Amino acid sequence: MIIVHHLENSRSQRVLWLLEELGEPYEVKRYDRDKKTNLAPAALLKVHPLGKSPVIEENGKVIAETGTIFEYLLKRTDNNLRINENDDAYWRHQYWLHAAEGSFAPMMIIALLLGRIENAPLPFFAKPIAKKLVKAVRNGYVDHTTKALYDYAEDTLGKSEWLCGEKFSAADIIMSFPFEAFSARGDLAKYPNITGFLKRIHARPGYKAALESGGPYGIGR
């Protein structure tokens, strides 16, 4: 039995969804965020030294990192969610499988941290300096990099129903988080293809079942 150490309102929701799509039995061990910091609780340190989620366990084996967990689960059994290495879409699938955490997630985290700096309780003389630095980082890197990433995804989804063609795959599951987060910020007005993608995944039984297992998906927090 696979145990999923699931932190509320987190990216580990995708692991639950993947397991639902694979039809794999699993057990969820839920963890609530710290009420003051909104971070993972110290209890997760007992599972993995970094104390983060998602983490899965199977037969005493502990595996962390979303991309690694996806690779592990996809290779365990024959399934329709991975692309065969002989398929033309294989490397496309590998790109999206790792772009979610390697390219999209860092931009989300940087944007979150910049927002916290802007709203931090600073001395009056420090606020103008902080705002100027935040604006420089956004204008110099974050905004145009983020736009390029989502423009590329929008263009990809304009050519096919799913990221790797007409076949739904694990790449679509792992990329759901950056798309959901982007939508929660209200940034999808100019991205009709990504908007359509989100409507399609929300209708999938596996997606709905994962929400029932993991609890509300408060991605906008």
C-alpha atoms as a PDB file:
ATOM      1  CA  MET A   1       0.000   0.000   0.000  1.00  0.00           C
ATOM      2  CA  ILE A   2       1.307   3.434  -0.940  1.00  0.00           C
ATOM      3  CA  ILE A   3       1.161   6.024   1.832  1.00  0.00           C
ATOM      4  CA  VAL A   4       0.889   9.658   0.731  1.00  0.00           C
ATOM      5  CA  HIS A   5       2.005  12.226   3.284  1.00  0.00           C
ATOM      6  CA  HIS A   6      -0.340  14.969   2.181  1.00  0.00           C
ATOM      7  CA  LEU A   7      -0.073  18.581   3.310  1.00  0.00           C
ATOM      8  CA  GLU A   8      -3.335  20.510   3.095  1.00  0.00           C
ATOM      9  CA  ASN A   9      -3.651  23.040   0.247  1.00  0.00           C
ATOM     10  CA  SER A  10      -0.448  21.921  -1.415  1.00  0.00           C
ATOM     11  CA  ARG A  11       1.094  20.540  -4.568  1.00  0.00           C
ATOM     12  CA  SER A  12       0.820  17.028  -3.170  1.00  0.00           C
ATOM     13  CA  GLN A  13      -2.780  17.066  -4.423  1.00  0.00           C
ATOM     14  CA  ARG A  14      -1.357  16.058  -7.814  1.00  0.00           C
ATOM     15  CA  VAL A  15       0.085  12.846  -6.384  1.00  0.00           C
ATOM     16  CA  LEU A  16      -3.360  11.847  -5.129  1.00  0.00           C
ATOM     17  CA  TRP A  17      -4.806  12.611  -8.547  1.00  0.00           C
ATOM     18  CA  LEU A  18      -2.130  10.558 -10.312  1.00  0.00           C
ATOM     19  CA  LEU A  19      -2.851   7.584  -8.043  1.00  0.00           C
ATOM     20  CA  GLU A  20      -6.569   7.913  -8.757  1.00  0.00           C
ATOM     21  CA  GLU A  21      -5.924   7.912 -12.503  1.00  0.00           C
ATOM     22  CA  LEU A  22      -3.639   4.900 -12.145  1.00  0.00           C
ATOM     23  CA  GLY A  23      -6.226   3.044 -10.072  1.00  0.00           C
ATOM     24  CA  GLU A  24      -3.644   2.419  -7.349  1.00  0.00           C
ATOM     25  CA  PRO A  25      -4.823   1.862  -3.777  1.00  0.00           C
ATOM     26  CA  TYR A  26      -3.317   4.343  -1.331  1.00  0.00           C
ATOM     27  CA  GLU A  27      -3.581   5.710   2.172  1.00  0.00           C
ATOM     28  CA  VAL A  28      -3.540   9.427   2.948  1.00  0.00           C
ATOM     29  CA  LYS A  29      -1.817  10.788   6.032  1.00  0.00           C
ATOM     30  CA  ARG A  30      -2.956  14.394   6.295  1.00  0.00           C
ATOM     31  CA  TYR A  31      -0.971  17.255   7.794  1.00  0.00           C
ATOM     32  CA  ASP A  32      -2.356  20.672   8.633  1.00  0.00           C
ATOM     33  CA  ARG A  33      -0.324  23.788   8.016  1.00  0.00           C
ATOM     34  CA  ASP A  34       1.023  25.773  10.940  1.00  0.00           C
ATOM     35  CA  LYS A  35      -1.634  28.389  11.767  1.00  0.00           C
ATOM     36  CA  LYS A  36       0.913  31.174  12.265  1.00  0.00           C
ATOM     37  CA  THR A  37       3.372  30.555   9.439  1.00  0.00           C
ATOM     38  CA  ASN A  38       1.135  28.643   6.980  1.00  0.00           C
ATOM     39  CA  LEU A  39       4.098  26.285   6.497  1.00  0.00           C
ATOM     40  CA  ALA A  40       4.351  22.514   6.853  1.00  0.00           C
ATOM     41  CA  PRO A  41       4.304  21.229  10.452  1.00  0.00           C
ATOM     42  CA  ALA A  42       7.347  19.819  12.218  1.00  0.00           C
ATOM     43  CA  ALA A  43       5.726  16.372  12.148  1.00  0.00           C
ATOM     44  CA  LEU A  44       6.764  15.980   8.520  1.00  0.00           C
ATOM     45  CA  LEU A  45      10.410  16.031   9.615  1.00  0.00           C
ATOM     46  CA  LYS A  46       9.833  12.573  11.034  1.00  0.00           C
ATOM     47  CA  VAL A  47       8.975  11.359   7.527  1.00  0.00           C
ATOM     48  CA  HIS A  48      11.727  13.113   5.561  1.00  0.00           C
ATOM     49  CA  PRO A  49      14.658  15.272   6.771  1.00  0.00           C
ATOM     50  CA  LEU A  50      13.443  18.281   4.771  1.00  0.00           C
ATOM     51  CA  GLY A  51       9.988  18.139   6.323  1.00  0.00           C
ATOM     52  CA  LYS A  52       8.197  18.919   3.095  1.00  0.00           C
ATOM     53  CA  SER A  53       5.336  17.473   1.078  1.00  0.00           C
ATOM     54  CA  PRO A  54       4.647  15.552  -1.090  1.00  0.00           C
ATOM     55  CA  VAL A  55       6.340  12.451   0.215  1.00  0.00           C
ATOM     56  CA  ILE A  56       5.247   8.879  -0.403  1.00  0.00           C
ATOM     57  CA  GLU A  57       6.130   5.634   1.339  1.00  0.00           C
ATOM     58  CA  GLU A  58       5.981   2.083   0.054  1.00  0.00           C
ATOM     59  CA  ASN A  59       7.416  -0.953   1.819  1.00  0.00           C
ATOM     60  CA  GLY A  60       9.667   1.236   3.923  1.00  0.00           C
ATOM     61  CA  LYS A  61      10.917   3.218   0.933  1.00  0.00           C
ATOM     62  CA  VAL A  62      10.504   6.996   1.254  1.00  0.00           C
ATOM     63  CA  ILE A  63      10.401   9.100  -1.906  1.00  0.00           C
ATOM     64  CA  ALA A  64      10.259  12.900  -2.072  1.00  0.00           C
ATOM     65  CA  GLU A  65      10.083  15.514  -4.867  1.00  0.00           C
ATOM     66  CA  THR A  66       6.996  15.615  -7.071  1.00  0.00           C
ATOM     67  CA  GLY A  67       8.809  14.828 -10.323  1.00  0.00           C
ATOM     68  CA  THR A  68      10.621  11.862  -8.783  1.00  0.00           C
ATOM     69  CA  ILE A  69       7.393  10.571  -7.239  1.00  0.00           C
ATOM     70  CA  PHE A  70       5.688  10.775 -10.642  1.00  0.00           C
ATOM     71  CA  GLU A  71       8.546   8.909 -12.314  1.00  0.00           C
ATOM     72  CA  TYR A  72       8.436   6.226  -9.616  1.00  0.00           C
ATOM     73  CA  LEU A  73       4.679   5.705  -9.800  1.00  0.00           C
ATOM     74  CA  LEU A  74       4.593   5.703 -13.592  1.00  0.00           C
ATOM     75  CA  LYS A  75       7.274   3.021 -13.831  1.00  0.00           C
ATOM     76  CA  ARG A  76       5.699   0.673 -11.293  1.00  0.00           C
ATOM     77  CA  THR A  77       3.025  -0.693 -13.634  1.00  0.00           C
ATOM     78  CA  ASP A  78       1.891  -0.580 -17.235  1.00  0.00           C
ATOM     79  CA  ASN A  79      -0.442   2.369 -17.669  1.00  0.00           C
ATOM     80  CA  ASN A  80      -1.812   4.839 -20.195  1.00  0.00           C
ATOM     81  CA  LEU A  81      -0.452   7.928 -18.496  1.00  0.00           C
ATOM     82  CA  ARG A  82       3.127   7.750 -19.688  1.00  0.00           C
ATOM     83  CA  ILE A  83       4.436   8.175 -23.212  1.00  0.00           C
ATOM     84  CA  ASN A  84       6.436   5.324 -24.714  1.00  0.00           C
ATOM     85  CA  GLU A  85      10.077   6.137 -25.456  1.00  0.00           C
ATOM     86  CA  ASN A  86       9.540   5.265 -29.108  1.00  0.00           C
ATOM     87  CA  ASP A  87       6.695   7.759 -29.388  1.00  0.00           C
ATOM     88  CA  ASP A  88       7.395  11.134 -31.013  1.00  0.00           C
ATOM     89  CA  ALA A  89       5.795  12.847 -28.004  1.00  0.00           C
ATOM     90  CA  TYR A  90       8.101  11.186 -25.458  1.00  0.00           C
ATOM     91  CA  TRP A  91      10.503  14.084 -24.934  1.00  0.00           C
ATOM     92  CA  ARG A  92       7.643  16.523 -25.020  1.00  0.00           C
ATOM     93  CA  HIS A  93       6.142  14.548 -22.156  1.00  0.00           C
ATOM     94  CA  GLN A  94       9.450  14.574 -20.257  1.00  0.00           C
ATOM     95  CA  TYR A  95       9.731  18.330 -20.731  1.00  0.00           C
ATOM     96  CA  TRP A  96       6.335  19.079 -19.190  1.00  0.00           C
ATOM     97  CA  LEU A  97       6.851  16.465 -16.478  1.00  0.00           C
ATOM     98  CA  HIS A  98       9.845  18.427 -15.208  1.00  0.00           C
ATOM     99  CA  ALA A  99       8.988  21.975 -16.310  1.00  0.00           C
ATOM    100  CA  ALA A 100       6.232  22.147 -13.686  1.00  0.00           C
ATOM    101  CA  GLU A 101       8.732  22.190 -10.819  1.00  0.00           C
ATOM    102  CA  GLY A 102      11.864  23.199 -12.714  1.00  0.00           C
ATOM    103  CA  SER A 103      10.578  26.287 -14.548  1.00  0.00           C
ATOM    104  CA  PHE A 104       7.047  27.231 -13.512  1.00  0.00           C
ATOM    105  CA  ALA A 105       7.224  26.658  -9.737  1.00  0.00           C
ATOM    106  CA  PRO A 106      10.304  28.889  -9.161  1.00  0.00           C
ATOM    107  CA  MET A 107       8.538  31.825 -10.816  1.00  0.00           C
ATOM    108  CA  MET A 108       5.504  31.254  -8.595  1.00  0.00           C
ATOM    109  CA  ILE A 109       7.653  31.162  -5.459  1.00  0.00           C
ATOM    110  CA  ILE A 110       9.633  34.274  -6.405  1.00  0.00           C
ATOM    111  CA  ALA A 111       6.397  36.167  -7.118  1.00  0.00           C
ATOM    112  CA  LEU A 112       5.014  35.043  -3.738  1.00  0.00           C
ATOM    113  CA  LEU A 113       8.133  36.199  -1.894  1.00  0.00           C
ATOM    114  CA  LEU A 114       8.147  39.547  -3.690  1.00  0.00           C
ATOM    115  CA  GLY A 115       4.550  40.087  -2.663  1.00  0.00           C
ATOM    116  CA  ARG A 116       5.432  39.351   0.960  1.00  0.00           C
ATOM    117  CA  ILE A 117       8.303  41.845   0.840  1.00  0.00           C
ATOM    118  CA  GLU A 118       5.968  44.519  -0.510  1.00  0.00           C
ATOM    119  CA  ASN A 119       3.453  43.914   2.261  1.00  0.00           C
ATOM    120  CA  ALA A 120       5.936  43.363   5.092  1.00  0.00           C
ATOM    121  CA  PRO A 121       5.764  45.747   8.090  1.00  0.00           C
ATOM    122  CA  LEU A 122       8.918  47.770   7.407  1.00  0.00           C
ATOM    123  CA  PRO A 123      10.171  51.092   8.826  1.00  0.00           C
ATOM    124  CA  PHE A 124       8.825  54.022   6.775  1.00  0.00           C
ATOM    125  CA  PHE A 125      12.247  54.839   5.350  1.00  0.00           C
ATOM    126  CA  ALA A 126      12.766  51.236   4.166  1.00  0.00           C
ATOM    127  CA  LYS A 127       9.451  50.805   2.336  1.00  0.00           C
ATOM    128  CA  PRO A 128      10.378  52.900  -0.760  1.00  0.00           C
ATOM    129  CA  ILE A 129      13.652  50.982  -1.076  1.00  0.00           C
ATOM    130  CA  ALA A 130      11.915  47.612  -0.778  1.00  0.00           C
ATOM    131  CA  LYS A 131       9.275  48.560  -3.351  1.00  0.00           C
ATOM    132  CA  LYS A 132      11.943  49.796  -5.739  1.00  0.00           C
ATOM    133  CA  LEU A 133      13.886  46.535  -5.434  1.00  0.00           C
ATOM    134  CA  VAL A 134      10.734  44.442  -5.910  1.00  0.00           C
ATOM    135  CA  LYS A 135       9.785  46.437  -8.998  1.00  0.00           C
ATOM    136  CA  ALA A 136      13.280  46.012 -10.442  1.00  0.00           C
ATOM    137  CA  VAL A 137      13.191  42.218  -9.981  1.00  0.00           C
ATOM    138  CA  ARG A 138       9.719  41.979 -11.505  1.00  0.00           C
ATOM    139  CA  ASN A 139      10.515  44.209 -14.472  1.00  0.00           C
ATOM    140  CA  GLY A 140      13.957  42.759 -15.025  1.00  0.00           C
ATOM    141  CA  TYR A 141      13.159  39.072 -14.809  1.00  0.00           C
ATOM    142  CA  VAL A 142      10.002  37.683 -13.209  1.00  0.00           C
ATOM    143  CA  ASP A 143       7.250  39.236 -15.327  1.00  0.00           C
ATOM    144  CA  HIS A 144       8.679  38.564 -18.782  1.00  0.00           C
ATOM    145  CA  THR A 145       9.921  35.085 -17.820  1.00  0.00           C
ATOM    146  CA  THR A 146       6.515  34.148 -16.424  1.00  0.00           C
ATOM    147  CA  LYS A 147       4.769  35.507 -19.499  1.00  0.00           C
ATOM    148  CA  ALA A 148       7.045  33.516 -21.804  1.00  0.00           C
ATOM    149  CA  LEU A 149       6.309  30.284 -19.922  1.00  0.00           C
ATOM    150  CA  TYR A 150       2.542  30.667 -20.014  1.00  0.00           C
ATOM    151  CA  ASP A 151       2.571  31.914 -23.594  1.00  0.00           C
ATOM    152  CA  TYR A 152       4.381  28.721 -24.554  1.00  0.00           C
ATOM    153  CA  ALA A 153       1.861  26.575 -22.686  1.00  0.00           C
ATOM    154  CA  GLU A 154      -1.010  28.489 -24.281  1.00  0.00           C
ATOM    155  CA  ASP A 155       0.464  27.955 -27.737  1.00  0.00           C
ATOM    156  CA  THR A 156       0.983  24.243 -27.050  1.00  0.00           C
ATOM    157  CA  LEU A 157      -2.619  23.788 -25.939  1.00  0.00           C
ATOM    158  CA  GLY A 158      -3.765  25.641 -29.030  1.00  0.00           C
ATOM    159  CA  LYS A 159      -2.392  22.788 -31.151  1.00  0.00           C
ATOM    160  CA  SER A 160      -3.815  19.841 -29.208  1.00  0.00           C
ATOM    161  CA  GLU A 161      -6.292  19.041 -26.462  1.00  0.00           C
ATOM    162  CA  TRP A 162      -3.568  17.999 -24.025  1.00  0.00           C
ATOM    163  CA  LEU A 163       0.052  19.038 -23.544  1.00  0.00           C
ATOM    164  CA  CYS A 164       1.460  15.984 -25.312  1.00  0.00           C
ATOM    165  CA  GLY A 165      -1.137  15.705 -28.063  1.00  0.00           C
ATOM    166  CA  GLU A 166      -4.624  14.233 -28.058  1.00  0.00           C
ATOM    167  CA  LYS A 167      -3.765  11.774 -25.297  1.00  0.00           C
ATOM    168  CA  PHE A 168      -4.187  12.728 -21.641  1.00  0.00           C
ATOM    169  CA  SER A 169      -0.964  11.975 -19.749  1.00  0.00           C
ATOM    170  CA  ALA A 170       0.846  12.438 -16.448  1.00  0.00           C
ATOM    171  CA  ALA A 171       2.271  15.667 -17.863  1.00  0.00           C
ATOM    172  CA  ASP A 172      -1.215  17.172 -17.720  1.00  0.00           C
ATOM    173  CA  ILE A 173      -1.576  16.160 -14.090  1.00  0.00           C
ATOM    174  CA  ILE A 174       1.722  17.620 -12.917  1.00  0.00           C
ATOM    175  CA  MET A 175       1.207  20.864 -14.862  1.00  0.00           C
ATOM    176  CA  SER A 176      -2.206  21.396 -13.292  1.00  0.00           C
ATOM    177  CA  PHE A 177      -0.759  23.178 -10.261  1.00  0.00           C
ATOM    178  CA  PRO A 178       0.955  26.084 -12.057  1.00  0.00           C
ATOM    179  CA  PHE A 179      -2.123  26.530 -14.242  1.00  0.00           C
ATOM    180  CA  GLU A 180      -4.444  26.457 -11.214  1.00  0.00           C
ATOM    181  CA  ALA A 181      -2.228  28.938  -9.342  1.00  0.00           C
ATOM    182  CA  PHE A 182      -2.090  31.245 -12.353  1.00  0.00           C
ATOM    183  CA  SER A 183      -5.879  31.094 -12.573  1.00  0.00           C
ATOM    184  CA  ALA A 184      -6.300  31.813  -8.848  1.00  0.00           C
ATOM    185  CA  ARG A 185      -4.350  35.055  -9.337  1.00  0.00           C
ATOM    186  CA  GLY A 186      -6.784  36.084 -12.053  1.00  0.00           C
ATOM    187  CA  ASP A 187      -4.164  36.000 -14.791  1.00  0.00           C
ATOM    188  CA  LEU A 188      -5.928  33.757 -17.335  1.00  0.00           C
ATOM    189  CA  ALA A 189      -8.065  36.326 -19.167  1.00  0.00           C
ATOM    190  CA  LYS A 190      -5.716  36.230 -22.161  1.00  0.00           C
ATOM    191  CA  TYR A 191      -5.195  32.466 -22.035  1.00  0.00           C
ATOM    192  CA  PRO A 192      -8.325  30.746 -23.383  1.00  0.00           C
ATOM    193  CA  ASN A 193      -6.522  27.479 -24.155  1.00  0.00           C
ATOM    194  CA  ILE A 194      -5.241  27.086 -20.604  1.00  0.00           C
ATOM    195  CA  THR A 195      -8.700  28.022 -19.336  1.00  0.00           C
ATOM    196  CA  GLY A 196     -10.195  25.257 -21.479  1.00  0.00           C
ATOM    197  CA  PHE A 197      -7.580  22.818 -20.187  1.00  0.00           C
ATOM    198  CA  LEU A 198      -8.609  23.569 -16.597  1.00  0.00           C
ATOM    199  CA  LYS A 199     -12.268  22.974 -17.396  1.00  0.00           C
ATOM    200  CA  ARG A 200     -11.387  19.589 -18.900  1.00  0.00           C
ATOM    201  CA  ILE A 201      -9.328  18.419 -15.941  1.00  0.00           C
ATOM    202  CA  HIS A 202     -11.943  19.589 -13.434  1.00  0.00           C
ATOM    203  CA  ALA A 203     -14.452  17.315 -15.150  1.00  0.00           C
ATOM    204  CA  ARG A 204     -12.312  14.196 -14.789  1.00  0.00           C
ATOM    205  CA  PRO A 205     -13.527  11.664 -12.181  1.00  0.00           C
ATOM    206  CA  GLY A 206      -9.953  11.116 -10.961  1.00  0.00           C
ATOM    207  CA  TYR A 207      -9.508  14.818 -10.272  1.00  0.00           C
ATOM    208  CA  LYS A 208     -12.743  14.933  -8.275  1.00  0.00           C
ATOM    209  CA  ALA A 209     -11.843  11.764  -6.352  1.00  0.00           C
ATOM    210  CA  ALA A 210      -8.455  13.250  -5.402  1.00  0.00           C
ATOM    211  CA  LEU A 211     -10.211  16.297  -3.966  1.00  0.00           C
ATOM    212  CA  GLU A 212     -12.397  14.029  -1.873  1.00  0.00           C
ATOM    213  CA  SER A 213      -9.311  12.216  -0.555  1.00  0.00           C
ATOM    214  CA  GLY A 214      -7.107  15.247   0.038  1.00  0.00           C
ATOM    215  CA  GLY A 215      -9.659  17.845   1.055  1.00  0.00           C
ATOM    216  CA  PRO A 216     -10.357  21.326  -0.378  1.00  0.00           C
ATOM    217  CA  TYR A 217      -7.745  22.637  -2.778  1.00  0.00           C
ATOM    218  CA  GLY A 218      -7.130  26.138  -1.380  1.00  0.00           C
ATOM    219  CA  ILE A 219      -4.610  27.011  -4.044  1.00  0.00           C
ATOM    220  CA  GLY A 220      -5.203  30.695  -3.829  1.00  0.00           C
ATOM    221  CA  ARG A 221      -3.853  30.917  -0.277  1.00  0.00           C
END
